[in-house]
Protein backbone atom coordinates (compact mmCIF):
# COMPACT_ATOMS: atom_id res chain seq x y z
CA GLN A 1 2.96 4.86 -2.22
CA CYS A 2 2.81 6.83 -5.48
CA VAL A 3 -0.68 8.23 -4.91
CA LEU A 4 0.78 11.60 -3.87
CA TRP A 5 1.59 12.26 -7.53
CA LYS A 6 -1.54 10.72 -9.06
CA GLU A 7 -2.97 14.00 -10.34
CA ASN A 8 0.29 15.58 -11.48
CA ALA A 9 2.94 13.00 -12.29
CA CYS A 10 5.96 12.65 -14.55
CA CYS A 11 5.45 8.89 -14.72
CA THR A 12 2.86 6.48 -16.03
CA ALA A 13 1.08 3.79 -14.03
CA ASN A 14 3.70 1.20 -15.03
CA PRO A 15 6.67 2.67 -13.09
CA SER A 16 4.33 3.20 -10.16
CA LEU A 17 3.34 -0.46 -10.19
CA GLU A 18 6.93 -1.62 -10.68
CA ALA A 19 8.13 0.47 -7.73
CA HIS A 20 5.98 -1.73 -5.50
CA GLN A 21 7.47 -5.03 -6.72
CA ASP A 22 10.15 -6.69 -4.60
CA GLN A 23 12.06 -7.50 -7.80
CA SER A 24 11.45 -4.58 -10.14
CA TYR A 25 12.65 -4.01 -13.69
CA LEU A 26 13.08 -0.29 -12.86
CA TYR A 27 16.56 -0.76 -11.46
CA ASN A 28 16.93 -4.55 -11.57
CA PHE A 29 17.02 -4.36 -7.80
CA ASN A 30 15.41 -6.47 -5.11
CA TRP A 31 14.37 -4.78 -1.85
CA ASP A 32 14.97 -8.10 -0.11
CA HIS A 33 18.56 -8.46 -1.37
CA CYS A 34 19.85 -9.41 2.09
CA GLY A 35 16.77 -11.02 3.58
CA ALA A 36 13.22 -9.81 3.96
CA MET A 37 12.96 -6.05 4.44
CA PRO A 38 10.18 -5.26 6.93
CA GLU A 39 7.08 -3.92 5.17
CA ARG A 40 6.95 -0.81 7.38
CA CYS A 41 10.52 -0.03 6.27
CA LYS A 42 10.01 -0.97 2.63
CA ARG A 43 7.18 1.54 2.22
CA HIS A 44 9.65 4.40 2.74
CA PHE A 45 11.95 3.11 0.00
CA ILE A 46 8.98 2.60 -2.31
CA GLN A 47 7.77 6.13 -1.68
CA ASP A 48 11.31 7.41 -2.32
CA THR A 49 11.27 5.56 -5.66
CA CYS A 50 7.88 7.09 -6.46
CA LEU A 51 9.25 10.54 -5.66
CA TYR A 52 12.22 9.97 -7.96
CA GLU A 53 10.17 8.49 -10.79
CA CYS A 54 6.99 10.56 -10.58
CA SER A 55 7.41 13.93 -8.90
CA PRO A 56 7.16 16.91 -11.28
CA ASN A 57 8.89 19.12 -8.70
CA LEU A 58 12.43 17.73 -8.54
CA GLY A 59 14.04 20.09 -11.03
CA PRO A 60 16.02 22.12 -8.47
CA TRP A 61 17.60 18.92 -7.10
CA ILE A 62 18.61 17.20 -10.34
CA ASP A 63 22.36 16.67 -10.42
CA GLN A 64 24.31 15.37 -13.41
CA SER A 65 25.92 12.00 -12.76
CA ASP A 66 28.69 10.25 -14.64
CA SER A 67 27.93 6.72 -13.49
CA SER A 68 27.60 3.97 -16.07
CA TRP A 69 23.99 3.19 -15.17
CA ARG A 70 22.45 6.67 -14.98
CA LYS A 71 23.12 10.18 -16.21
CA GLU A 72 21.43 12.12 -13.43
CA ARG A 73 20.53 11.75 -9.79
CA ILE A 74 18.44 13.64 -7.29
CA LEU A 75 20.56 15.24 -4.59
CA HIS A 76 19.82 17.16 -1.37
CA VAL A 77 16.02 17.05 -1.58
CA PRO A 78 14.71 18.49 1.69
CA LEU A 79 12.82 16.05 3.91
CA CYS A 80 10.42 16.89 6.69
CA ARG A 81 11.97 16.05 10.02
CA GLU A 82 8.95 13.94 10.96
CA ASP A 83 9.28 11.88 7.77
CA CYS A 84 12.97 11.31 8.38
CA GLU A 85 12.39 10.29 11.98
CA GLN A 86 9.59 7.91 10.99
CA TRP A 87 11.81 6.37 8.29
CA TRP A 88 14.51 5.78 10.90
CA GLU A 89 11.98 4.34 13.36
CA ASP A 90 10.55 1.97 10.77
CA CYS A 91 13.94 0.81 9.45
CA GLN A 92 16.23 0.84 12.47
CA ASP A 93 16.09 -2.95 12.84
CA ALA A 94 16.39 -3.70 9.11
CA VAL A 95 19.72 -4.90 7.74
CA THR A 96 21.55 -4.67 4.45
CA CYS A 97 24.69 -6.41 3.28
CA LYS A 98 25.89 -3.35 1.38
CA VAL A 99 27.67 -0.29 2.75
CA ASN A 100 26.68 2.00 -0.14
CA TRP A 101 23.68 1.26 -2.37
CA HIS A 102 24.86 3.74 -5.01
CA LYS A 103 28.03 1.99 -6.14
CA GLY A 104 30.05 -1.19 -6.11
CA TRP A 105 27.35 -3.70 -7.04
CA ASN A 106 28.28 -6.83 -8.94
CA TRP A 107 25.60 -7.09 -11.65
CA THR A 108 27.21 -10.00 -13.55
CA THR A 109 24.68 -12.53 -12.24
CA GLY A 110 21.70 -10.25 -12.80
């Protein structure tokens, strides 16, 4: 999913490879945290990770963050309507056990 940035990337091959792992060291996060995420859905989250880790064009959307686990985030990046609709279509039957993926995790057990 990171091939879009292969020729002009702000990441090395390692983050690209890690983004594709179900349990990745990048964020100590497992895509299948509440059961198996469908592959067609997972590819959108992987590509989103690749965008965040590798795109050289995110400067206008970098926002300072005061969370304990990161100092900046990417906010309000425009998406093509077709991409957004396909993401919804591919993930509409997927489930998560978390209301907000950005906060409130209990990391004490790893």
